[in-house]
Amino acid sequence: MSFVDVGLMSMAEIIGDFGFKGVARIGDLQSWMTGLGGYAGVIYFLIRSLRVGNVLYTNAAWDGISAVLESLAAYFIMGERLTNKWQYLGLVFIIMGLFALKMGAIPY
C-alpha cells in the first residue's frame, strides 16, 4: 500500500464530499457530477492501494489520512469548526495513530 495512493484517495473523497454537500444545499447537476467524479477517484485509488496492501492496513490508513485532510479542508476552505476543544484533541490522536501505523510497517 502506498501512502501516496491513500493520500490521493483521501483528496478524491474530499472532492466527492464537497460536491455532495453542494447537492444537499442546492441540488444542481454540477455538484452531482463533482461528487460522483470524486468518488470514482476514490474507487480507482482504492483498487491501486489494494493491489499491494491488505484491506486492514489500507482501510486504517485511509480512515486516518482522510479524517485529517478532510478536517483541514473543511476548516480552511469551508470555514467549518468543531464544537469543543476535545474534538480537536481527537484529531491529534488520529495523527498519532497514523504515525504508529506507519512505524509498524517498518521492518526491525
C-alpha atoms as a PDB file:
ATOM      1  CA  MET A   1       0.000   0.000   0.000  1.00  0.00           C
ATOM      2  CA  SER A   2       1.281   3.408  -0.921  1.00  0.00           C
ATOM      3  CA  PHE A   3       0.621   6.371   1.343  1.00  0.00           C
ATOM      4  CA  VAL A   4       0.620   8.462  -1.863  1.00  0.00           C
ATOM      5  CA  ASP A   5      -2.291   6.436  -3.253  1.00  0.00           C
ATOM      6  CA  VAL A   6      -4.126   6.659   0.074  1.00  0.00           C
ATOM      7  CA  GLY A   7      -3.487  10.406   0.166  1.00  0.00           C
ATOM      8  CA  LEU A   8      -4.850  10.778  -3.379  1.00  0.00           C
ATOM      9  CA  MET A   9      -7.827   8.611  -2.432  1.00  0.00           C
ATOM     10  CA  SER A  10      -8.482  10.940   0.503  1.00  0.00           C
ATOM     11  CA  MET A  11      -8.220  14.002  -1.750  1.00  0.00           C
ATOM     12  CA  ALA A  12     -10.706  12.427  -4.171  1.00  0.00           C
ATOM     13  CA  GLU A  13     -13.005  11.783  -1.215  1.00  0.00           C
ATOM     14  CA  ILE A  14     -12.805  15.454  -0.232  1.00  0.00           C
ATOM     15  CA  ILE A  15     -13.813  16.464  -3.766  1.00  0.00           C
ATOM     16  CA  GLY A  16     -16.685  13.990  -3.650  1.00  0.00           C
ATOM     17  CA  ASP A  17     -17.867  15.108  -0.219  1.00  0.00           C
ATOM     18  CA  PHE A  18     -17.701  18.803  -1.093  1.00  0.00           C
ATOM     19  CA  GLY A  19     -19.625  18.071  -4.315  1.00  0.00           C
ATOM     20  CA  PHE A  20     -22.318  16.158  -2.454  1.00  0.00           C
ATOM     21  CA  LYS A  21     -22.519  18.930   0.140  1.00  0.00           C
ATOM     22  CA  GLY A  22     -23.414  21.179  -2.798  1.00  0.00           C
ATOM     23  CA  VAL A  23     -26.100  18.684  -3.813  1.00  0.00           C
ATOM     24  CA  ALA A  24     -27.520  18.756  -0.284  1.00  0.00           C
ATOM     25  CA  ARG A  25     -27.648  22.555  -0.295  1.00  0.00           C
ATOM     26  CA  ILE A  26     -28.643  23.487  -3.856  1.00  0.00           C
ATOM     27  CA  GLY A  27     -29.140  20.202  -5.725  1.00  0.00           C
ATOM     28  CA  ASP A  28     -27.540  21.243  -9.005  1.00  0.00           C
ATOM     29  CA  LEU A  29     -26.172  18.892 -11.671  1.00  0.00           C
ATOM     30  CA  GLN A  30     -22.619  20.261 -11.439  1.00  0.00           C
ATOM     31  CA  SER A  31     -22.444  19.336  -7.748  1.00  0.00           C
ATOM     32  CA  TRP A  32     -23.743  15.834  -8.547  1.00  0.00           C
ATOM     33  CA  MET A  33     -21.076  15.384 -11.212  1.00  0.00           C
ATOM     34  CA  THR A  34     -18.352  16.676  -8.891  1.00  0.00           C
ATOM     35  CA  GLY A  35     -19.458  14.292  -6.146  1.00  0.00           C
ATOM     36  CA  LEU A  36     -19.633  11.311  -8.491  1.00  0.00           C
ATOM     37  CA  GLY A  37     -16.265  12.178 -10.044  1.00  0.00           C
ATOM     38  CA  GLY A  38     -14.660  12.400  -6.620  1.00  0.00           C
ATOM     39  CA  TYR A  39     -15.983   9.014  -5.583  1.00  0.00           C
ATOM     40  CA  ALA A  40     -14.935   7.463  -8.916  1.00  0.00           C
ATOM     41  CA  GLY A  41     -11.434   8.644  -7.968  1.00  0.00           C
ATOM     42  CA  VAL A  42     -11.829   7.021  -4.546  1.00  0.00           C
ATOM     43  CA  ILE A  43     -12.603   3.675  -6.192  1.00  0.00           C
ATOM     44  CA  TYR A  44      -9.653   3.995  -8.582  1.00  0.00           C
ATOM     45  CA  PHE A  45      -7.124   4.768  -5.824  1.00  0.00           C
ATOM     46  CA  LEU A  46      -8.643   2.144  -3.513  1.00  0.00           C
ATOM     47  CA  ILE A  47      -8.049  -0.517  -6.160  1.00  0.00           C
ATOM     48  CA  ARG A  48      -4.464   0.721  -6.642  1.00  0.00           C
ATOM     49  CA  SER A  49      -3.882   0.595  -2.884  1.00  0.00           C
ATOM     50  CA  LEU A  50      -5.297  -2.903  -2.537  1.00  0.00           C
ATOM     51  CA  ARG A  51      -3.051  -4.264  -5.292  1.00  0.00           C
ATOM     52  CA  VAL A  52      -0.074  -4.088  -2.962  1.00  0.00           C
ATOM     53  CA  GLY A  53      -1.617  -3.796   0.502  1.00  0.00           C
ATOM     54  CA  ASN A  54      -4.145  -5.611   2.622  1.00  0.00           C
ATOM     55  CA  VAL A  55      -7.616  -4.333   3.481  1.00  0.00           C
ATOM     56  CA  LEU A  56      -6.929  -3.849   7.196  1.00  0.00           C
ATOM     57  CA  TYR A  57      -3.856  -1.666   6.701  1.00  0.00           C
ATOM     58  CA  THR A  58      -5.266   0.247   3.718  1.00  0.00           C
ATOM     59  CA  ASN A  59      -8.558   0.981   5.476  1.00  0.00           C
ATOM     60  CA  ALA A  60      -6.871   2.154   8.685  1.00  0.00           C
ATOM     61  CA  ALA A  61      -4.534   4.463   6.766  1.00  0.00           C
ATOM     62  CA  TRP A  62      -7.386   5.780   4.621  1.00  0.00           C
ATOM     63  CA  ASP A  63      -9.597   6.480   7.641  1.00  0.00           C
ATOM     64  CA  GLY A  64      -6.843   8.374   9.431  1.00  0.00           C
ATOM     65  CA  ILE A  65      -5.467  10.334   6.497  1.00  0.00           C
ATOM     66  CA  SER A  66      -8.951  11.162   5.261  1.00  0.00           C
ATOM     67  CA  ALA A  67     -10.025  12.387   8.701  1.00  0.00           C
ATOM     68  CA  VAL A  68      -7.043  14.717   8.969  1.00  0.00           C
ATOM     69  CA  LEU A  69      -7.101  16.037   5.384  1.00  0.00           C
ATOM     70  CA  GLU A  70     -10.852  16.450   5.223  1.00  0.00           C
ATOM     71  CA  SER A  71     -10.907  18.189   8.611  1.00  0.00           C
ATOM     72  CA  LEU A  72      -8.231  20.625   7.427  1.00  0.00           C
ATOM     73  CA  ALA A  73     -10.091  21.238   4.160  1.00  0.00           C
ATOM     74  CA  ALA A  74     -13.392  21.786   5.981  1.00  0.00           C
ATOM     75  CA  TYR A  75     -11.704  24.156   8.438  1.00  0.00           C
ATOM     76  CA  PHE A  76      -9.758  26.257   5.930  1.00  0.00           C
ATOM     77  CA  ILE A  77     -11.862  26.043   2.750  1.00  0.00           C
ATOM     78  CA  MET A  78     -15.414  25.722   4.095  1.00  0.00           C
ATOM     79  CA  GLY A  79     -14.877  27.671   7.320  1.00  0.00           C
ATOM     80  CA  GLU A  80     -16.379  24.877   9.414  1.00  0.00           C
ATOM     81  CA  ARG A  81     -15.413  24.430  13.059  1.00  0.00           C
ATOM     82  CA  LEU A  82     -15.721  21.684  15.663  1.00  0.00           C
ATOM     83  CA  THR A  83     -17.782  22.474  18.741  1.00  0.00           C
ATOM     84  CA  ASN A  84     -15.205  21.998  21.524  1.00  0.00           C
ATOM     85  CA  LYS A  85     -11.512  21.527  22.239  1.00  0.00           C
ATOM     86  CA  TRP A  86     -11.837  17.787  22.965  1.00  0.00           C
ATOM     87  CA  GLN A  87     -12.769  17.153  19.357  1.00  0.00           C
ATOM     88  CA  TYR A  88      -9.523  18.786  18.240  1.00  0.00           C
ATOM     89  CA  LEU A  89      -7.674  16.540  20.695  1.00  0.00           C
ATOM     90  CA  GLY A  90      -9.312  13.597  18.934  1.00  0.00           C
ATOM     91  CA  LEU A  91      -7.726  14.755  15.668  1.00  0.00           C
ATOM     92  CA  VAL A  92      -4.334  14.837  17.403  1.00  0.00           C
ATOM     93  CA  PHE A  93      -4.878  11.207  18.468  1.00  0.00           C
ATOM     94  CA  ILE A  94      -5.722  10.294  14.867  1.00  0.00           C
ATOM     95  CA  ILE A  95      -2.434  11.823  13.726  1.00  0.00           C
ATOM     96  CA  MET A  96      -0.569   9.909  16.438  1.00  0.00           C
ATOM     97  CA  GLY A  97      -2.312   6.730  15.301  1.00  0.00           C
ATOM     98  CA  LEU A  98      -1.148   7.303  11.729  1.00  0.00           C
ATOM     99  CA  PHE A  99       2.445   7.584  12.921  1.00  0.00           C
ATOM    100  CA  ALA A 100       2.018   4.367  14.933  1.00  0.00           C
ATOM    101  CA  LEU A 101       0.532   2.626  11.888  1.00  0.00           C
ATOM    102  CA  LYS A 102       3.436   3.717   9.715  1.00  0.00           C
ATOM    103  CA  MET A 103       6.024   2.751  12.341  1.00  0.00           C
ATOM    104  CA  GLY A 104       4.518  -0.735  12.490  1.00  0.00           C
ATOM    105  CA  ALA A 105       5.257  -1.139   8.765  1.00  0.00           C
ATOM    106  CA  ILE A 106       8.990  -0.507   9.197  1.00  0.00           C
ATOM    107  CA  PRO A 107      10.924  -3.802   9.487  1.00  0.00           C
ATOM    108  CA  TYR A 108      13.190  -4.116  12.509  1.00  0.00           C
END
